[in-house]
Amino acid sequence: MTVTVTRPDNTTETLGPIRTDSTGATGYVFIPSMVGNYYLQSHFPEQRMPTSAGGIPANTTMLASTSPKLLLTVQADPLEYYPGSPLPTEYWTRPINAQHREWYTIAGSSWMNNELNDAPDSPHILWAKPLTIGGLVGGETTDHSFEHGDAYEGKWSNRLILAGRLYYTQGPYERPVVTTCVDLRTGEKLWEKVLLDNRTISTGQLFYWDNFNYHGVFAYLWVVVSSNWTAFDAFTGEPRFVFTNVPSGTNIYGPSGEICRYSISLNQGRMTLWNSTIAGLRGASGMSAGSWGSRVSNQQINATTYGLQYNITIPTGLPGSVRGVALDDKVVGSSTNSTDVVVWAYSLKPGQEGQLLYKENWKAPSSWTQNNVTFATYGSSWQVTDMTANVGLIWAKEELTYYAFDLTTGQFKWKSEIPHPYLDTYSIGARIAYDKVYSVGQAGKIHCWDLNTGKLLWMYNATDPYSEFLWGNEWSQDMLFINDGKIYMFHSEHSPVNPLFRGAPATCLYAENGTEAWRVDGLFRKTDWGGGPIMGDSVIAMYNSYDQRVYAIGKGPSALTFPHHLNSQWKTAK
């Protein structure tokens, strides 16, 4: 078809020819050259059906036609668009009216990017509810507390936040295994169920389905038993459909929330990618293409048969292990020993899949051999792979230093300016955000390094004013979130003595300069072997090993009254 455009000065131009899609619709970008009234008129030429399709016999002739003229008024002043919704300054609840589009920036779920949250500006408690019997026992047991799972029997390990709901189980050994769903902001119990034969939730999914006829997000909870995956409705906890024979591999989420599962064999030079959306579309039966919800409901779909997105050849001879995968971008890997670091990458860009991007061999300093840098379990290792910042970090335990590598080129970037304290040989962790590297461990001293140079920008000490912590003057810290310009740290320990150390801090720092946004001592203590704190909908949910209760921390009304001494500590610390 073609379109005739009559301009305000009565001159004309013809757009096209333009082909429509299979439904007869199409679009075209036209940029006016002057203000005033334009008239647009489309012209459909006579055409003949070459074959039978859609109930129309072959050789059917569609006569030529011309549309009425359409008036298009072009003005110099911009049109007024629907105003955006400002972010809330007070607490808010679910469901969020879909017209408040801008609020997506504060309503992330726990496995998603934590930057999509308005991180709590105080340790304000919304609610707390018992997970199991906990706290001080009393009586003949003197000052001991009930067991809380550390070490090796951690409680609350299966937990996630999805669209303002918190899902969790008590622990790995209780029977029956009951999954509880509560409102994240109120603590109200919404449902409790035993999923399949005492199974736990493996992951969540928010899957955006965008097709000709249907557009919206489906919310699922996934229970994985061997190679069989059952999708449960996140609202009711009822099963929806099953993927059978899901291939082995590692999960990664696609841009629409689809679960992609990649498997890479460096020895065989082969990579496969399985896609849950492709499996559902190809494998489900009984519904027309283009739908999703009813199409897959109550289906058993053979995932291996239907879900393979690609099976590509990759370079052989790549040493070490895969470190990170970014869909439609690249795969990064490395091999590390006391003399050499090999960093490599191959492409996943469409049309370039499997092409080697680089393979760089960096000669390690002689100090690695002299200091017996081991690169073994619980020793030095490739610790952090950030595919967004394109930086990888090696922790050299015996030197107490980080080494950074550029993942766009494979080249060495820097060594951290000064070593960490010696206690960090026992545990250390690092995260990358805001063009900085943040690292902290057993020594309780958080370090902030410049991402590009490795220079130390600031350091914060998690001081212990009462010498309660036995092997240092600072509390060991775990960094849980870097979000909204703030860093959140909590204390726990591998196998803590009982009675537990008193006064463990929960700390929030400003990421730019390391000053305290807030710190509260003795109110929260996390677990090492159970589930750590998670964040969603701008609320932190956590299991507190001081009293075996589940807490929600964030902005909103509180249903709790605390003893005077805890209130005083919070006010003083803040």
Protein backbone atom coordinates (compact mmCIF):
# COMPACT_ATOMS: atom_id res chain seq x y z
CA MET A 1 0.00 0.00 0.00
CA THR A 2 0.98 3.69 -0.28
CA VAL A 3 -0.01 6.85 1.58
CA THR A 4 -0.44 10.26 -0.05
CA VAL A 5 0.43 13.18 2.23
CA THR A 6 -0.92 16.65 1.38
CA ARG A 7 1.03 19.33 3.22
CA PRO A 8 -0.35 22.66 4.49
CA ASP A 9 1.10 24.35 1.38
CA ASN A 10 -0.88 21.88 -0.84
CA THR A 11 2.25 20.08 -2.05
CA THR A 12 2.15 16.28 -1.82
CA GLU A 13 4.47 13.36 -1.21
CA THR A 14 3.94 9.60 -1.34
CA LEU A 15 4.99 7.26 1.47
CA GLY A 16 5.70 3.65 0.58
CA PRO A 17 5.18 1.18 -0.80
CA ILE A 18 4.55 -0.29 2.67
CA ARG A 19 3.92 -3.96 3.50
CA THR A 20 1.55 -4.86 6.30
CA ASP A 21 2.02 -7.70 8.75
CA SER A 22 -0.13 -10.82 8.61
CA THR A 23 -2.99 -9.15 10.49
CA GLY A 24 -3.18 -6.23 8.03
CA ALA A 25 -1.63 -3.64 10.34
CA THR A 26 1.59 -1.73 9.98
CA GLY A 27 3.33 1.48 11.07
CA TYR A 28 5.44 4.18 9.46
CA VAL A 29 7.45 7.09 10.85
CA PHE A 30 6.63 10.42 9.20
CA ILE A 31 8.30 13.67 10.29
CA PRO A 32 6.37 16.84 9.31
CA SER A 33 8.37 19.73 7.88
CA MET A 34 5.98 22.58 8.80
CA VAL A 35 3.10 23.39 11.11
CA GLY A 36 -0.51 23.34 9.88
CA ASN A 37 -3.07 20.84 8.59
CA TYR A 38 -1.90 17.70 6.80
CA TYR A 39 -4.18 15.24 5.03
CA LEU A 40 -3.26 11.57 4.76
CA GLN A 41 -4.94 9.14 2.37
CA SER A 42 -3.98 5.46 2.01
CA HIS A 43 -4.23 3.45 -1.22
CA PHE A 44 -4.63 -0.32 -1.38
CA PRO A 45 -3.85 -1.82 -4.80
CA GLU A 46 -5.76 -4.70 -6.31
CA GLN A 47 -4.22 -7.99 -5.17
CA ARG A 48 -4.85 -11.68 -5.66
CA MET A 49 -4.53 -14.43 -3.06
CA PRO A 50 -1.80 -16.78 -4.37
CA THR A 51 -2.85 -19.64 -2.08
CA SER A 52 -5.68 -20.49 0.29
CA ALA A 53 -5.25 -18.94 3.73
CA GLY A 54 -7.47 -17.98 6.63
CA GLY A 55 -10.55 -19.44 4.97
CA ILE A 56 -10.05 -17.36 1.79
CA PRO A 57 -9.72 -19.48 -1.38
CA ALA A 58 -6.77 -19.16 -3.70
CA ASN A 59 -7.10 -16.67 -6.55
CA THR A 60 -9.56 -14.53 -4.59
CA THR A 61 -9.19 -10.95 -5.86
CA MET A 62 -9.15 -8.08 -3.39
CA LEU A 63 -10.16 -4.92 -5.25
CA ALA A 64 -8.27 -1.67 -5.02
CA SER A 65 -9.54 0.82 -2.47
CA THR A 66 -8.74 4.30 -1.18
CA SER A 67 -9.36 5.51 2.35
CA PRO A 68 -11.09 8.77 3.38
CA LYS A 69 -8.67 11.61 4.03
CA LEU A 70 -7.36 11.78 7.60
CA LEU A 71 -6.67 15.22 9.11
CA LEU A 72 -3.40 15.55 11.02
CA THR A 73 -2.82 18.88 12.77
CA VAL A 74 0.82 19.77 13.45
CA GLN A 75 1.54 22.53 15.98
CA ALA A 76 4.69 24.20 17.23
CA ASP A 77 3.83 23.85 20.94
CA PRO A 78 4.30 20.35 22.40
CA LEU A 79 1.25 18.36 23.39
CA GLU A 80 0.52 17.87 27.07
CA TYR A 81 1.20 14.31 28.12
CA TYR A 82 -0.34 12.46 31.03
CA PRO A 83 1.61 13.56 34.14
CA GLY A 84 3.80 11.01 35.86
CA SER A 85 3.14 9.82 39.40
CA PRO A 86 5.62 11.13 41.98
CA LEU A 87 7.22 8.53 44.21
CA PRO A 88 5.53 8.21 47.60
CA THR A 89 7.04 9.99 50.58
CA GLU A 90 5.01 7.96 53.08
CA TYR A 91 4.62 4.19 53.34
CA TRP A 92 2.54 2.42 50.74
CA THR A 93 0.91 -0.95 50.22
CA ARG A 94 0.13 -3.43 47.46
CA PRO A 95 -1.47 -3.61 44.99
CA ILE A 96 0.09 -0.58 43.32
CA ASN A 97 -2.33 1.02 40.88
CA ALA A 98 -0.95 0.24 37.41
CA GLN A 99 -1.15 3.93 36.47
CA HIS A 100 1.70 4.72 38.89
CA ARG A 101 4.26 3.57 36.35
CA GLU A 102 7.17 5.41 37.96
CA TRP A 103 6.83 3.33 41.13
CA TYR A 104 8.57 0.37 39.53
CA THR A 105 11.82 1.93 40.80
CA ILE A 106 10.88 1.15 44.43
CA ALA A 107 9.04 -2.15 44.01
CA GLY A 108 11.68 -4.75 43.16
CA SER A 109 11.48 -8.40 44.20
CA SER A 110 14.21 -10.07 46.24
CA TRP A 111 16.05 -11.89 43.44
CA MET A 112 15.95 -8.88 41.13
CA ASN A 113 18.20 -5.82 41.02
CA ASN A 114 18.22 -4.37 44.53
CA GLU A 115 18.52 -0.90 43.04
CA LEU A 116 14.78 -1.12 42.37
CA ASN A 117 14.01 -0.38 46.02
CA ASP A 118 13.80 2.69 48.23
CA ALA A 119 16.08 1.23 50.88
CA PRO A 120 15.08 1.80 54.53
CA ASP A 121 16.41 5.01 56.09
CA SER A 122 16.03 3.67 59.62
CA PRO A 123 15.84 0.28 61.40
CA HIS A 124 12.10 0.79 61.90
CA ILE A 125 10.29 -2.51 62.46
CA LEU A 126 6.96 -3.05 60.75
CA TRP A 127 6.19 -6.41 62.35
CA ALA A 128 7.76 -9.54 63.81
CA LYS A 129 6.42 -13.08 64.07
CA PRO A 130 7.91 -16.24 65.58
CA LEU A 131 9.51 -18.74 63.23
CA THR A 132 9.97 -21.24 66.04
CA ILE A 133 10.57 -21.24 69.80
CA GLY A 134 13.55 -19.00 70.44
CA GLY A 135 15.45 -16.60 72.61
CA LEU A 136 16.70 -17.20 76.13
CA VAL A 137 15.69 -20.56 77.63
CA GLY A 138 16.02 -19.65 81.33
CA GLY A 139 15.90 -21.82 84.44
CA GLU A 140 18.49 -24.55 84.83
CA THR A 141 19.98 -23.79 81.44
CA THR A 142 21.19 -20.45 82.88
CA ASP A 143 22.09 -17.96 80.17
CA HIS A 144 21.82 -20.21 77.10
CA SER A 145 19.45 -19.64 74.18
CA PHE A 146 17.49 -22.02 71.99
CA GLU A 147 19.31 -23.44 68.96
CA HIS A 148 19.01 -21.33 65.84
CA GLY A 149 20.56 -23.56 63.19
CA ASP A 150 24.22 -22.45 63.06
CA ALA A 151 26.27 -24.31 62.06
CA TYR A 152 25.06 -26.52 59.22
CA GLU A 153 21.35 -26.71 60.15
CA GLY A 154 20.31 -23.25 59.09
CA LYS A 155 16.75 -22.07 59.41
CA TRP A 156 14.75 -19.87 57.01
CA SER A 157 17.00 -20.72 54.07
CA ASN A 158 14.10 -20.91 51.58
CA ARG A 159 12.67 -17.41 51.34
CA LEU A 160 11.87 -14.84 48.69
CA ILE A 161 9.87 -11.67 48.15
CA LEU A 162 7.63 -11.40 45.12
CA ALA A 163 5.31 -8.46 44.45
CA GLY A 164 4.93 -7.47 48.09
CA ARG A 165 4.57 -11.00 49.44
CA LEU A 166 7.09 -12.85 51.59
CA TYR A 167 7.35 -16.63 51.16
CA TYR A 168 9.38 -18.78 53.54
CA THR A 169 9.79 -22.14 55.25
CA GLN A 170 11.00 -22.79 58.78
CA GLY A 171 13.98 -25.07 58.22
CA PRO A 172 15.30 -28.08 56.30
CA TYR A 173 14.36 -30.84 58.75
CA GLU A 174 10.85 -30.04 59.99
CA ARG A 175 7.99 -32.22 58.77
CA PRO A 176 5.72 -31.38 57.21
CA VAL A 177 7.58 -28.67 55.30
CA VAL A 178 5.08 -25.80 55.35
CA THR A 179 5.49 -22.83 53.04
CA THR A 180 4.07 -19.64 54.55
CA CYS A 181 3.02 -16.61 52.53
CA VAL A 182 2.57 -13.31 54.38
CA ASP A 183 1.91 -9.72 53.40
CA LEU A 184 5.34 -8.11 53.52
CA ARG A 185 4.10 -4.83 54.99
CA THR A 186 1.65 -6.12 57.59
CA GLY A 187 2.82 -9.65 58.41
CA GLU A 188 -0.71 -10.94 57.78
CA LYS A 189 -0.69 -14.63 56.92
CA LEU A 190 -2.18 -15.08 53.45
CA TRP A 191 -1.78 -18.86 53.06
CA GLU A 192 0.14 -21.88 54.26
CA LYS A 193 0.66 -25.00 52.16
CA VAL A 194 2.71 -28.14 51.85
CA LEU A 195 4.05 -28.03 48.30
CA LEU A 196 4.10 -31.43 46.60
CA ASP A 197 5.78 -34.00 48.90
CA ASN A 198 7.34 -31.61 51.45
CA ARG A 199 9.22 -29.50 48.91
CA THR A 200 10.46 -25.93 49.09
CA ILE A 201 10.40 -23.04 46.63
CA SER A 202 13.51 -22.95 44.47
CA THR A 203 13.00 -19.56 42.84
CA GLY A 204 10.39 -17.07 41.75
CA GLN A 205 9.53 -15.65 38.36
CA LEU A 206 7.89 -12.49 37.10
CA PHE A 207 7.43 -13.21 33.41
CA TYR A 208 6.28 -10.48 31.03
CA TRP A 209 4.27 -11.92 28.15
CA ASP A 210 4.03 -9.48 25.25
CA ASN A 211 2.22 -10.70 22.16
CA PHE A 212 -0.28 -9.50 19.55
CA ASN A 213 -3.30 -10.19 21.72
CA TYR A 214 -2.09 -10.40 25.32
CA HIS A 215 0.26 -8.25 27.37
CA GLY A 216 0.99 -8.73 31.07
CA VAL A 217 3.16 -10.28 33.77
CA PHE A 218 2.65 -13.77 35.17
CA ALA A 219 3.89 -14.45 38.73
CA TYR A 220 5.13 -17.96 39.48
CA LEU A 221 6.80 -19.85 42.30
CA TRP A 222 8.97 -22.73 41.08
CA VAL A 223 9.46 -26.00 42.95
CA VAL A 224 12.25 -28.11 41.45
CA VAL A 225 12.45 -31.87 42.03
CA SER A 226 15.34 -33.32 40.07
CA SER A 227 14.61 -32.46 36.42
CA ASN A 228 10.90 -31.73 36.98
CA TRP A 229 9.86 -28.12 37.58
CA THR A 230 6.38 -27.27 38.88
CA ALA A 231 5.07 -23.71 38.52
CA PHE A 232 2.76 -22.55 41.33
CA ASP A 233 0.52 -19.51 41.24
CA ALA A 234 2.16 -16.89 43.48
CA PHE A 235 -1.22 -15.57 44.66
CA THR A 236 -2.86 -18.84 45.68
CA GLY A 237 -0.03 -21.36 45.94
CA GLU A 238 -1.87 -23.69 43.58
CA PRO A 239 0.05 -25.65 40.88
CA ARG A 240 -0.24 -24.36 37.32
CA PHE A 241 1.92 -26.50 35.02
CA VAL A 242 5.00 -28.74 34.97
CA PHE A 243 8.18 -28.81 32.91
CA THR A 244 9.57 -32.35 32.78
CA ASN A 245 13.13 -33.29 31.80
CA VAL A 246 14.54 -29.80 32.27
CA PRO A 247 18.20 -30.01 31.16
CA SER A 248 21.01 -29.55 33.64
CA GLY A 249 22.74 -26.19 33.78
CA THR A 250 22.76 -22.80 35.49
CA ASN A 251 19.81 -20.41 35.61
CA ILE A 252 19.88 -16.83 34.38
CA TYR A 253 16.93 -14.50 33.75
CA GLY A 254 16.21 -13.00 30.36
CA PRO A 255 14.97 -9.46 29.68
CA SER A 256 11.30 -10.46 30.04
CA GLY A 257 11.88 -12.57 33.14
CA GLU A 258 12.12 -15.80 31.16
CA ILE A 259 14.25 -18.45 32.87
CA CYS A 260 17.18 -19.37 30.67
CA ARG A 261 19.35 -22.32 31.59
CA TYR A 262 22.79 -22.55 30.08
CA SER A 263 25.17 -25.50 29.98
CA ILE A 264 28.76 -25.06 28.86
CA SER A 265 31.28 -27.81 28.14
CA LEU A 266 34.74 -26.35 27.75
CA ASN A 267 36.13 -29.80 26.92
CA GLN A 268 33.65 -30.49 24.13
CA GLY A 269 33.50 -26.89 22.87
CA ARG A 270 29.72 -26.70 23.15
CA MET A 271 27.13 -24.43 24.78
CA THR A 272 23.38 -24.94 24.97
CA LEU A 273 20.72 -22.51 26.15
CA TRP A 274 17.28 -23.62 27.27
CA ASN A 275 14.48 -21.04 27.43
CA SER A 276 11.34 -21.55 29.54
CA THR A 277 9.23 -19.37 27.24
CA ILE A 278 10.16 -21.35 24.13
CA ALA A 279 9.42 -24.59 25.98
CA GLY A 280 5.97 -23.35 26.97
CA LEU A 281 5.07 -22.11 23.51
CA ARG A 282 6.29 -25.15 21.59
CA GLY A 283 5.36 -27.80 24.09
CA ALA A 284 1.86 -26.86 25.25
CA SER A 285 -1.10 -28.17 23.29
CA GLY A 286 -4.73 -27.29 22.80
CA MET A 287 -4.50 -23.51 22.58
CA SER A 288 -3.87 -21.06 19.80
CA ALA A 289 -0.44 -19.54 19.41
CA GLY A 290 -0.11 -16.10 20.95
CA SER A 291 -1.63 -16.92 24.35
CA TRP A 292 0.24 -18.00 27.46
CA GLY A 293 -1.72 -18.31 30.71
CA SER A 294 -4.46 -20.73 29.68
CA ARG A 295 -2.18 -22.27 27.07
CA VAL A 296 0.25 -23.72 29.60
CA SER A 297 -2.12 -24.28 32.57
CA ASN A 298 -2.51 -27.91 33.64
CA GLN A 299 0.05 -29.01 31.04
CA GLN A 300 3.01 -31.33 31.40
CA ILE A 301 5.63 -30.11 28.95
CA ASN A 302 8.80 -31.97 28.02
CA ALA A 303 11.35 -29.19 28.44
CA THR A 304 14.25 -30.91 26.69
CA THR A 305 12.21 -31.64 23.59
CA TYR A 306 10.77 -28.16 23.17
CA GLY A 307 12.81 -25.55 25.02
CA LEU A 308 16.23 -25.43 23.36
CA GLN A 309 17.00 -21.89 22.17
CA TYR A 310 20.40 -22.67 20.70
CA ASN A 311 23.20 -25.23 20.62
CA ILE A 312 26.41 -23.54 19.53
CA THR A 313 30.05 -24.38 19.03
CA ILE A 314 32.46 -22.47 21.28
CA PRO A 315 36.26 -22.25 21.18
CA THR A 316 38.10 -25.27 22.52
CA GLY A 317 41.10 -25.12 24.81
CA LEU A 318 39.63 -22.50 27.13
CA PRO A 319 41.10 -23.19 30.59
CA GLY A 320 39.52 -22.99 34.03
CA SER A 321 35.86 -22.27 34.64
CA VAL A 322 33.02 -20.09 33.43
CA ARG A 323 32.74 -17.00 35.66
CA GLY A 324 29.78 -15.14 34.21
CA VAL A 325 27.21 -15.10 31.41
CA ALA A 326 25.41 -12.07 30.01
CA LEU A 327 22.68 -13.05 27.56
CA ASP A 328 23.13 -11.66 24.04
CA ASP A 329 26.53 -10.29 25.11
CA LYS A 330 29.30 -12.65 26.20
CA VAL A 331 30.56 -15.50 28.39
CA VAL A 332 33.59 -14.83 30.60
CA GLY A 333 35.88 -17.40 32.19
CA SER A 334 39.26 -17.69 33.83
CA SER A 335 41.96 -19.99 35.11
CA THR A 336 44.10 -18.99 38.11
CA ASN A 337 47.25 -20.42 39.64
CA SER A 338 50.31 -19.04 41.42
CA THR A 339 52.07 -18.08 38.17
CA ASP A 340 49.38 -17.24 35.61
CA VAL A 341 45.88 -15.82 35.30
CA VAL A 342 44.16 -16.56 32.01
CA VAL A 343 40.99 -14.52 31.33
CA TRP A 344 38.89 -15.27 28.25
CA ALA A 345 35.55 -14.43 26.70
CA TYR A 346 33.46 -15.45 23.72
CA SER A 347 30.48 -13.68 22.17
CA LEU A 348 26.77 -14.36 22.55
CA LYS A 349 25.70 -11.47 20.34
CA PRO A 350 23.22 -12.54 17.64
CA GLY A 351 25.12 -13.63 14.57
CA GLN A 352 28.42 -13.82 16.49
CA GLU A 353 27.62 -16.63 18.92
CA GLY A 354 30.72 -18.58 19.95
CA GLN A 355 33.30 -16.22 18.45
CA LEU A 356 36.36 -15.78 20.68
CA LEU A 357 36.62 -12.19 21.91
CA TYR A 358 39.92 -12.49 23.78
CA LYS A 359 42.15 -14.90 25.67
CA GLU A 360 44.67 -13.02 27.82
CA ASN A 361 47.46 -14.54 29.91
CA TRP A 362 48.62 -12.33 32.78
CA LYS A 363 51.83 -13.30 34.53
CA ALA A 364 51.29 -13.23 38.28
CA PRO A 365 53.79 -11.40 40.50
CA SER A 366 56.55 -13.46 42.08
CA SER A 367 55.01 -12.73 45.49
CA TRP A 368 52.27 -15.26 44.72
CA THR A 369 54.83 -18.04 44.67
CA GLN A 370 56.84 -16.62 47.57
CA ASN A 371 53.72 -16.22 49.74
CA ASN A 372 52.30 -19.60 48.71
CA VAL A 373 49.09 -18.11 47.36
CA THR A 374 47.10 -21.33 47.12
CA PHE A 375 43.91 -20.73 45.08
CA ALA A 376 42.28 -23.70 46.79
CA THR A 377 38.99 -24.20 48.61
CA TYR A 378 38.63 -21.65 51.42
CA GLY A 379 41.75 -19.97 50.05
CA SER A 380 42.43 -17.44 47.35
CA SER A 381 40.02 -17.43 44.44
CA TRP A 382 38.26 -15.63 41.64
CA GLN A 383 35.64 -14.11 43.91
CA VAL A 384 33.52 -11.52 42.07
CA THR A 385 32.27 -11.34 38.47
CA ASP A 386 30.26 -8.23 37.68
CA MET A 387 29.02 -8.41 34.10
CA THR A 388 27.47 -4.93 34.33
CA ALA A 389 30.61 -3.15 35.54
CA ASN A 390 32.72 -5.56 33.44
CA VAL A 391 35.14 -6.20 36.31
CA GLY A 392 36.32 -9.45 37.88
CA LEU A 393 38.07 -9.69 41.26
CA ILE A 394 40.60 -12.23 42.52
CA TRP A 395 41.10 -12.46 46.29
CA ALA A 396 44.69 -13.38 47.21
CA LYS A 397 44.12 -14.61 50.75
CA GLU A 398 47.75 -14.92 51.80
CA GLU A 399 48.42 -11.35 50.65
CA LEU A 400 45.06 -10.00 51.88
CA THR A 401 44.66 -8.08 48.62
CA TYR A 402 42.33 -7.90 45.63
CA TYR A 403 43.40 -8.04 41.98
CA ALA A 404 40.99 -6.60 39.41
CA PHE A 405 40.59 -7.54 35.75
CA ASP A 406 38.79 -5.74 32.93
CA LEU A 407 36.20 -8.12 31.47
CA THR A 408 35.88 -6.14 28.22
CA THR A 409 39.52 -6.90 27.34
CA GLY A 410 40.73 -9.52 29.83
CA GLN A 411 43.52 -7.18 30.91
CA PHE A 412 44.76 -6.72 34.48
CA LYS A 413 43.51 -3.43 36.02
CA TRP A 414 44.90 -3.00 39.53
CA LYS A 415 45.94 -4.41 42.87
CA SER A 416 44.22 -2.97 45.97
CA GLU A 417 46.30 -0.19 47.48
CA ILE A 418 46.73 -1.65 50.98
CA PRO A 419 46.16 -5.13 52.44
CA HIS A 420 43.10 -6.05 54.48
CA PRO A 421 43.53 -6.86 58.22
CA TYR A 422 44.78 -10.38 58.97
CA LEU A 423 41.42 -11.62 60.32
CA ASP A 424 40.00 -11.34 56.80
CA THR A 425 41.96 -14.47 55.89
CA TYR A 426 39.06 -16.33 57.50
CA SER A 427 36.24 -14.72 55.54
CA ILE A 428 35.87 -11.89 53.07
CA GLY A 429 33.32 -10.65 50.57
CA ALA A 430 33.12 -7.86 48.01
CA ARG A 431 30.50 -6.09 45.90
CA ILE A 432 30.67 -3.57 43.09
CA ALA A 433 28.44 -0.49 42.83
CA TYR A 434 28.66 3.21 41.95
CA ASP A 435 32.11 2.79 40.31
CA LYS A 436 33.49 1.47 43.58
CA VAL A 437 34.40 -1.87 45.15
CA TYR A 438 33.24 -2.48 48.72
CA SER A 439 34.83 -5.31 50.72
CA VAL A 440 34.48 -6.49 54.32
CA GLY A 441 35.04 -9.67 56.31
CA GLN A 442 35.92 -11.18 59.65
CA ALA A 443 37.93 -8.12 60.72
CA GLY A 444 34.86 -5.87 60.62
CA LYS A 445 36.50 -3.09 58.60
CA ILE A 446 34.68 -2.18 55.42
CA HIS A 447 36.96 -0.92 52.65
CA CYS A 448 35.89 1.22 49.70
CA TRP A 449 38.14 1.07 46.63
CA ASP A 450 38.04 3.09 43.43
CA LEU A 451 36.81 0.71 40.71
CA ASN A 452 39.24 2.04 38.11
CA THR A 453 42.42 2.44 40.17
CA GLY A 454 42.17 0.29 43.33
CA LYS A 455 42.90 3.33 45.51
CA LEU A 456 41.39 3.24 49.00
CA LEU A 457 38.71 5.93 49.24
CA TRP A 458 37.48 5.33 52.79
CA MET A 459 37.24 2.74 55.56
CA TYR A 460 34.64 2.13 58.27
CA ASN A 461 35.19 0.22 61.53
CA ALA A 462 32.28 -1.76 63.00
CA THR A 463 33.52 -1.02 66.52
CA ASP A 464 32.63 -3.13 69.56
CA PRO A 465 32.41 -0.71 72.51
CA TYR A 466 32.11 -3.46 75.16
CA SER A 467 34.77 -5.96 73.96
CA GLU A 468 31.99 -8.54 73.64
CA PHE A 469 33.35 -9.96 70.38
CA LEU A 470 36.13 -12.34 71.41
CA TRP A 471 38.67 -12.10 68.60
CA GLY A 472 38.72 -8.47 67.57
CA ASN A 473 37.82 -4.90 68.42
CA GLU A 474 35.34 -4.74 65.53
CA TRP A 475 32.34 -6.96 64.80
CA SER A 476 32.71 -9.25 61.81
CA GLN A 477 30.31 -8.10 59.12
CA ASP A 478 28.43 -9.48 56.13
CA MET A 479 27.45 -7.04 53.40
CA LEU A 480 23.89 -7.86 52.31
CA PHE A 481 22.73 -5.00 50.08
CA ILE A 482 24.10 -1.99 48.27
CA ASN A 483 21.02 -0.07 47.33
CA ASP A 484 19.72 3.47 46.96
CA GLY A 485 23.15 4.90 47.78
CA LYS A 486 23.40 2.90 51.00
CA ILE A 487 25.24 -0.22 52.24
CA TYR A 488 23.58 -2.66 54.68
CA MET A 489 25.63 -4.92 56.96
CA PHE A 490 24.70 -7.47 59.62
CA HIS A 491 26.65 -9.76 61.94
CA SER A 492 26.68 -13.55 62.23
CA GLU A 493 29.29 -16.23 62.73
CA HIS A 494 30.04 -19.70 61.34
CA SER A 495 29.50 -21.67 64.57
CA PRO A 496 28.74 -19.17 67.34
CA VAL A 497 29.32 -19.89 71.00
CA ASN A 498 26.34 -19.94 73.36
CA PRO A 499 25.52 -17.62 75.05
CA LEU A 500 25.58 -15.49 71.95
CA PHE A 501 27.67 -12.32 71.83
CA ARG A 502 25.53 -9.37 72.88
CA GLY A 503 25.08 -6.13 71.00
CA ALA A 504 25.70 -7.26 67.41
CA PRO A 505 25.30 -4.25 65.13
CA ALA A 506 23.05 -3.80 62.12
CA THR A 507 24.57 -0.95 60.14
CA CYS A 508 23.57 1.22 57.20
CA LEU A 509 26.31 3.39 55.63
CA TYR A 510 26.20 5.98 52.91
CA ALA A 511 28.00 4.38 49.98
CA GLU A 512 29.68 7.59 48.86
CA ASN A 513 31.65 8.38 52.01
CA GLY A 514 31.12 5.58 54.56
CA THR A 515 29.34 7.68 57.18
CA GLU A 516 26.56 6.08 59.19
CA ALA A 517 23.02 6.50 57.98
CA TRP A 518 21.99 4.44 61.00
CA ARG A 519 23.33 1.76 63.29
CA VAL A 520 21.48 -0.21 65.94
CA ASP A 521 23.26 -2.56 68.37
CA GLY A 522 21.66 -5.68 69.76
CA LEU A 523 18.40 -5.52 67.81
CA PHE A 524 19.19 -7.86 64.89
CA ARG A 525 21.56 -10.78 64.37
CA LYS A 526 21.40 -12.79 61.17
CA THR A 527 22.34 -16.43 60.50
CA ASP A 528 25.33 -17.88 58.67
CA TRP A 529 23.81 -21.20 57.59
CA GLY A 530 20.18 -20.25 57.17
CA GLY A 531 18.74 -17.51 55.03
CA GLY A 532 20.11 -14.01 55.24
CA PRO A 533 18.09 -10.80 55.00
CA ILE A 534 16.37 -10.10 51.68
CA MET A 535 14.83 -6.92 50.26
CA GLY A 536 11.77 -6.27 48.13
CA ASP A 537 9.16 -3.55 47.84
CA SER A 538 11.62 -1.30 49.74
CA VAL A 539 11.32 -3.53 52.85
CA ILE A 540 14.00 -5.76 54.39
CA ALA A 541 12.79 -9.12 55.67
CA MET A 542 15.10 -11.14 57.92
CA TYR A 543 15.35 -13.98 60.40
CA ASN A 544 16.74 -12.76 63.74
CA SER A 545 18.82 -15.43 65.46
CA TYR A 546 18.63 -13.54 68.79
CA ASP A 547 14.95 -14.46 69.21
CA GLN A 548 14.04 -16.75 66.23
CA ARG A 549 11.51 -14.32 64.83
CA VAL A 550 11.01 -13.08 61.28
CA TYR A 551 11.15 -9.28 61.01
CA ALA A 552 10.16 -6.72 58.41
CA ILE A 553 12.16 -3.47 58.40
CA GLY A 554 10.98 -0.43 56.50
CA LYS A 555 8.71 2.59 56.33
CA GLY A 556 5.22 2.23 57.80
CA PRO A 557 3.19 1.81 60.99
CA SER A 558 4.64 -0.45 63.66
CA ALA A 559 2.73 -2.94 65.78
CA LEU A 560 5.64 -3.46 68.18
CA THR A 561 6.67 -1.85 71.46
CA PHE A 562 10.26 -2.50 72.54
CA PRO A 563 11.83 -2.51 76.00
CA HIS A 564 13.22 0.83 77.09
CA HIS A 565 16.86 -0.23 76.84
CA LEU A 566 16.52 -1.17 73.15
CA ASN A 567 14.72 2.05 72.33
CA SER A 568 17.49 4.01 74.04
CA GLN A 569 20.25 2.18 72.14
CA TRP A 570 18.54 2.87 68.83
CA LYS A 571 18.10 6.59 69.57
CA THR A 572 21.68 6.96 70.72
CA ALA A 573 23.06 5.10 67.73
CA LYS A 574 20.93 7.03 65.26
